[in-house]
Amino acid sequence: MKVSVTHKEGMQFEAKTANSSFIIDCPVISPVEYFLSGLITCSATDIILLPKNQGFEVKNLVVDGEVVRAEDHPRKFVQLHLTYSFDSDGDDTQAARWVMASVETYCSTINTIRDTTKITYTITHNGQVIREKEEMISGGGSQIDLGEIQACCS
């Protein structure tokens, strides 16, 4: 993977990837907000694709992320809480497994920060809270195997 960032004017930068480009307009949206947005989107794609690969459908997906950062520079993420809310035609156990598979195995951005950041999650499935402030199982990933998926964060 390669990304090139070019200064445009003021505090605007253009990021170019192999597939596209976009403008980063600081401080309207900070690079840290882009990073957190990318992290959340990586997991969100898993929550759409894992069920789809199993013949299920997810609707009304919203993933919120809240970060606590260190006070001292470089102000790394210290804690991250993700809140997943979605409806599906799967049961609660399947819904929890989809989220766990994303955070523990498939989402490369979450797994990039997992050794330095305490990560927890809450899941609301079909209007009911089914997991609340659960911690990731391990600090080094797990072997939850739900088959190959095609995600935007490969």
C-alpha atoms as a PDB file:
ATOM      1  CA  MET A   1       0.000   0.000   0.000  1.00  0.00           C
ATOM      2  CA  LYS A   2       1.247   3.452  -0.836  1.00  0.00           C
ATOM      3  CA  VAL A   3      -0.233   6.885  -0.150  1.00  0.00           C
ATOM      4  CA  SER A   4       1.192  10.221  -1.243  1.00  0.00           C
ATOM      5  CA  VAL A   5       0.213  13.479   0.487  1.00  0.00           C
ATOM      6  CA  THR A   6       0.785  16.813  -1.245  1.00  0.00           C
ATOM      7  CA  HIS A   7       0.402  20.251   0.330  1.00  0.00           C
ATOM      8  CA  LYS A   8      -2.143  22.311  -1.623  1.00  0.00           C
ATOM      9  CA  GLU A   9      -2.619  25.635   0.205  1.00  0.00           C
ATOM     10  CA  GLY A  10      -3.057  26.851   3.762  1.00  0.00           C
ATOM     11  CA  MET A  11      -3.675  23.690   5.771  1.00  0.00           C
ATOM     12  CA  GLN A  12      -5.134  21.644   2.903  1.00  0.00           C
ATOM     13  CA  PHE A  13      -3.449  18.485   1.684  1.00  0.00           C
ATOM     14  CA  GLU A  14      -4.353  16.054  -1.073  1.00  0.00           C
ATOM     15  CA  ALA A  15      -3.942  12.364  -0.304  1.00  0.00           C
ATOM     16  CA  LYS A  16      -3.523  10.092  -3.319  1.00  0.00           C
ATOM     17  CA  THR A  17      -3.900   6.343  -3.139  1.00  0.00           C
ATOM     18  CA  ALA A  18      -3.659   3.730  -5.858  1.00  0.00           C
ATOM     19  CA  ASN A  19      -7.439   3.972  -6.326  1.00  0.00           C
ATOM     20  CA  SER A  20      -8.481   7.522  -5.523  1.00  0.00           C
ATOM     21  CA  SER A  21      -7.645  10.859  -3.934  1.00  0.00           C
ATOM     22  CA  PHE A  22      -9.202  13.112  -1.317  1.00  0.00           C
ATOM     23  CA  ILE A  23      -8.557  16.445   0.380  1.00  0.00           C
ATOM     24  CA  ILE A  24      -7.550  16.606   4.030  1.00  0.00           C
ATOM     25  CA  ASP A  25      -8.657  20.023   5.268  1.00  0.00           C
ATOM     26  CA  CYS A  26      -6.988  20.737   8.612  1.00  0.00           C
ATOM     27  CA  PRO A  27      -8.121  21.818  11.119  1.00  0.00           C
ATOM     28  CA  VAL A  28     -11.699  21.364   9.833  1.00  0.00           C
ATOM     29  CA  ILE A  29     -11.070  17.635  10.160  1.00  0.00           C
ATOM     30  CA  SER A  30      -7.829  16.682  11.854  1.00  0.00           C
ATOM     31  CA  PRO A  31      -5.616  13.794  10.725  1.00  0.00           C
ATOM     32  CA  VAL A  32      -6.477  12.043  14.008  1.00  0.00           C
ATOM     33  CA  GLU A  33     -10.190  12.289  13.148  1.00  0.00           C
ATOM     34  CA  TYR A  34      -9.442  10.834   9.708  1.00  0.00           C
ATOM     35  CA  PHE A  35      -7.484   8.034  11.393  1.00  0.00           C
ATOM     36  CA  LEU A  36     -10.342   7.244  13.789  1.00  0.00           C
ATOM     37  CA  SER A  37     -12.849   7.424  10.911  1.00  0.00           C
ATOM     38  CA  GLY A  38     -10.747   4.983   8.899  1.00  0.00           C
ATOM     39  CA  LEU A  39     -10.456   2.647  11.876  1.00  0.00           C
ATOM     40  CA  ILE A  40     -14.227   2.646  12.389  1.00  0.00           C
ATOM     41  CA  THR A  41     -14.928   2.215   8.664  1.00  0.00           C
ATOM     42  CA  CYS A  42     -12.556  -0.748   8.515  1.00  0.00           C
ATOM     43  CA  SER A  43     -14.582  -2.536  11.195  1.00  0.00           C
ATOM     44  CA  ALA A  44     -17.907  -1.404   9.721  1.00  0.00           C
ATOM     45  CA  THR A  45     -17.058  -3.051   6.399  1.00  0.00           C
ATOM     46  CA  ASP A  46     -16.485  -6.319   8.287  1.00  0.00           C
ATOM     47  CA  ILE A  47     -19.909  -6.006   9.935  1.00  0.00           C
ATOM     48  CA  ILE A  48     -21.492  -5.779   6.479  1.00  0.00           C
ATOM     49  CA  LEU A  49     -19.350  -8.405   4.716  1.00  0.00           C
ATOM     50  CA  LEU A  50     -19.048 -11.176   7.340  1.00  0.00           C
ATOM     51  CA  PRO A  51     -22.841 -11.675   7.594  1.00  0.00           C
ATOM     52  CA  LYS A  52     -23.248 -11.316   3.819  1.00  0.00           C
ATOM     53  CA  ASN A  53     -20.753 -14.144   3.284  1.00  0.00           C
ATOM     54  CA  GLN A  54     -22.878 -16.293   5.611  1.00  0.00           C
ATOM     55  CA  GLY A  55     -26.157 -15.474   3.870  1.00  0.00           C
ATOM     56  CA  PHE A  56     -27.342 -12.815   6.342  1.00  0.00           C
ATOM     57  CA  GLU A  57     -28.092  -9.132   5.906  1.00  0.00           C
ATOM     58  CA  VAL A  58     -27.167  -6.222   8.159  1.00  0.00           C
ATOM     59  CA  LYS A  59     -29.203  -3.022   8.054  1.00  0.00           C
ATOM     60  CA  ASN A  60     -29.110   0.328   9.863  1.00  0.00           C
ATOM     61  CA  LEU A  61     -25.456  -0.044  10.872  1.00  0.00           C
ATOM     62  CA  VAL A  62     -23.967   2.776  12.934  1.00  0.00           C
ATOM     63  CA  VAL A  63     -20.557   2.466  14.575  1.00  0.00           C
ATOM     64  CA  ASP A  64     -19.499   5.188  17.010  1.00  0.00           C
ATOM     65  CA  GLY A  65     -15.990   5.523  18.373  1.00  0.00           C
ATOM     66  CA  GLU A  66     -14.845   7.446  21.410  1.00  0.00           C
ATOM     67  CA  VAL A  67     -11.153   7.855  22.168  1.00  0.00           C
ATOM     68  CA  VAL A  68      -9.264   8.939  25.261  1.00  0.00           C
ATOM     69  CA  ARG A  69      -5.836  10.275  24.336  1.00  0.00           C
ATOM     70  CA  ALA A  70      -2.726  10.666  26.457  1.00  0.00           C
ATOM     71  CA  GLU A  71      -2.156  14.175  27.808  1.00  0.00           C
ATOM     72  CA  ASP A  72       1.508  14.242  26.777  1.00  0.00           C
ATOM     73  CA  HIS A  73       2.791  14.302  23.211  1.00  0.00           C
ATOM     74  CA  PRO A  74       2.499  12.419  20.957  1.00  0.00           C
ATOM     75  CA  ARG A  75      -1.016  12.107  22.522  1.00  0.00           C
ATOM     76  CA  LYS A  76      -1.472   8.465  21.545  1.00  0.00           C
ATOM     77  CA  PHE A  77      -4.800   6.712  21.925  1.00  0.00           C
ATOM     78  CA  VAL A  78      -5.018   5.271  25.449  1.00  0.00           C
ATOM     79  CA  GLN A  79      -8.586   3.953  25.337  1.00  0.00           C
ATOM     80  CA  LEU A  80     -11.007   3.315  22.499  1.00  0.00           C
ATOM     81  CA  HIS A  81     -14.651   2.381  22.949  1.00  0.00           C
ATOM     82  CA  LEU A  82     -16.620   1.296  19.892  1.00  0.00           C
ATOM     83  CA  THR A  83     -20.403   1.147  19.910  1.00  0.00           C
ATOM     84  CA  TYR A  84     -21.984  -1.027  17.222  1.00  0.00           C
ATOM     85  CA  SER A  85     -25.691  -0.668  16.533  1.00  0.00           C
ATOM     86  CA  PHE A  86     -27.348  -2.668  13.775  1.00  0.00           C
ATOM     87  CA  ASP A  87     -30.269  -4.841  12.776  1.00  0.00           C
ATOM     88  CA  SER A  88     -29.905  -8.201  11.079  1.00  0.00           C
ATOM     89  CA  ASP A  89     -31.709 -11.410  10.293  1.00  0.00           C
ATOM     90  CA  GLY A  90     -29.120 -13.329  12.333  1.00  0.00           C
ATOM     91  CA  ASP A  91     -29.418 -14.119  16.027  1.00  0.00           C
ATOM     92  CA  ASP A  92     -27.635 -12.294  18.865  1.00  0.00           C
ATOM     93  CA  THR A  93     -24.850 -14.887  19.085  1.00  0.00           C
ATOM     94  CA  GLN A  94     -24.062 -14.447  15.400  1.00  0.00           C
ATOM     95  CA  ALA A  95     -24.156 -10.659  15.735  1.00  0.00           C
ATOM     96  CA  ALA A  96     -21.677 -10.784  18.628  1.00  0.00           C
ATOM     97  CA  ARG A  97     -19.410 -13.142  16.662  1.00  0.00           C
ATOM     98  CA  TRP A  98     -19.366 -10.763  13.688  1.00  0.00           C
ATOM     99  CA  VAL A  99     -18.183  -7.906  15.886  1.00  0.00           C
ATOM    100  CA  MET A 100     -15.669 -10.089  17.732  1.00  0.00           C
ATOM    101  CA  ALA A 101     -14.275 -11.413  14.443  1.00  0.00           C
ATOM    102  CA  SER A 102     -13.818  -7.850  13.234  1.00  0.00           C
ATOM    103  CA  VAL A 103     -12.093  -6.491  16.339  1.00  0.00           C
ATOM    104  CA  GLU A 104     -10.056  -9.599  17.132  1.00  0.00           C
ATOM    105  CA  THR A 105      -9.039 -10.799  13.678  1.00  0.00           C
ATOM    106  CA  TYR A 106     -10.066  -8.992  10.510  1.00  0.00           C
ATOM    107  CA  CYS A 107      -9.837  -5.233  11.097  1.00  0.00           C
ATOM    108  CA  SER A 108      -6.208  -4.360  10.445  1.00  0.00           C
ATOM    109  CA  THR A 109      -6.490  -0.817  11.808  1.00  0.00           C
ATOM    110  CA  ILE A 110      -7.875  -1.940  15.169  1.00  0.00           C
ATOM    111  CA  ASN A 111      -5.229  -4.624  15.352  1.00  0.00           C
ATOM    112  CA  THR A 112      -2.536  -2.028  14.591  1.00  0.00           C
ATOM    113  CA  ILE A 113      -3.296  -0.134  17.829  1.00  0.00           C
ATOM    114  CA  ARG A 114      -4.413  -3.014  20.047  1.00  0.00           C
ATOM    115  CA  ASP A 115      -1.092  -3.440  21.869  1.00  0.00           C
ATOM    116  CA  THR A 116      -1.005   0.182  23.051  1.00  0.00           C
ATOM    117  CA  THR A 117      -4.708   0.978  23.436  1.00  0.00           C
ATOM    118  CA  LYS A 118      -7.345  -0.496  25.737  1.00  0.00           C
ATOM    119  CA  ILE A 119     -10.211  -1.357  23.375  1.00  0.00           C
ATOM    120  CA  THR A 120     -13.768  -2.062  24.463  1.00  0.00           C
ATOM    121  CA  TYR A 121     -17.042  -2.380  22.588  1.00  0.00           C
ATOM    122  CA  THR A 122     -20.798  -2.358  23.070  1.00  0.00           C
ATOM    123  CA  ILE A 123     -23.245  -4.051  20.690  1.00  0.00           C
ATOM    124  CA  THR A 124     -26.901  -3.177  20.187  1.00  0.00           C
ATOM    125  CA  HIS A 125     -28.525  -5.752  17.905  1.00  0.00           C
ATOM    126  CA  ASN A 126     -32.122  -5.458  16.731  1.00  0.00           C
ATOM    127  CA  GLY A 127     -32.733  -2.763  19.345  1.00  0.00           C
ATOM    128  CA  GLN A 128     -31.362  -4.736  22.314  1.00  0.00           C
ATOM    129  CA  VAL A 129     -27.986  -4.269  24.023  1.00  0.00           C
ATOM    130  CA  ILE A 130     -26.352  -7.699  23.781  1.00  0.00           C
ATOM    131  CA  ARG A 131     -22.798  -6.810  24.913  1.00  0.00           C
ATOM    132  CA  GLU A 132     -21.790  -3.831  27.001  1.00  0.00           C
ATOM    133  CA  LYS A 133     -18.250  -2.503  27.477  1.00  0.00           C
ATOM    134  CA  GLU A 134     -16.697  -5.844  26.520  1.00  0.00           C
ATOM    135  CA  GLU A 135     -12.912  -5.875  26.308  1.00  0.00           C
ATOM    136  CA  MET A 136     -11.043  -7.406  23.433  1.00  0.00           C
ATOM    137  CA  ILE A 137     -10.227 -11.035  24.194  1.00  0.00           C
ATOM    138  CA  SER A 138      -6.490 -10.821  23.714  1.00  0.00           C
ATOM    139  CA  GLY A 139      -3.662  -8.457  23.018  1.00  0.00           C
ATOM    140  CA  GLY A 140      -2.405 -10.393  20.047  1.00  0.00           C
ATOM    141  CA  GLY A 141      -5.426 -11.301  17.970  1.00  0.00           C
ATOM    142  CA  SER A 142      -7.301 -14.566  17.952  1.00  0.00           C
ATOM    143  CA  GLN A 143      -8.007 -17.310  15.503  1.00  0.00           C
ATOM    144  CA  ILE A 144     -11.725 -16.720  14.945  1.00  0.00           C
ATOM    145  CA  ASP A 145     -12.132 -18.066  11.416  1.00  0.00           C
ATOM    146  CA  LEU A 146     -15.270 -17.081   9.564  1.00  0.00           C
ATOM    147  CA  GLY A 147     -13.734 -17.611   6.136  1.00  0.00           C
ATOM    148  CA  GLU A 148     -12.207 -15.187   3.706  1.00  0.00           C
ATOM    149  CA  ILE A 149     -13.805 -11.779   3.313  1.00  0.00           C
ATOM    150  CA  GLN A 150     -13.149  -8.970   0.937  1.00  0.00           C
ATOM    151  CA  ALA A 151     -12.858  -5.747   2.920  1.00  0.00           C
ATOM    152  CA  CYS A 152     -11.775  -2.241   2.086  1.00  0.00           C
ATOM    153  CA  CYS A 153      -9.006  -2.490   4.659  1.00  0.00           C
ATOM    154  CA  SER A 154      -7.109  -5.512   3.340  1.00  0.00           C
END
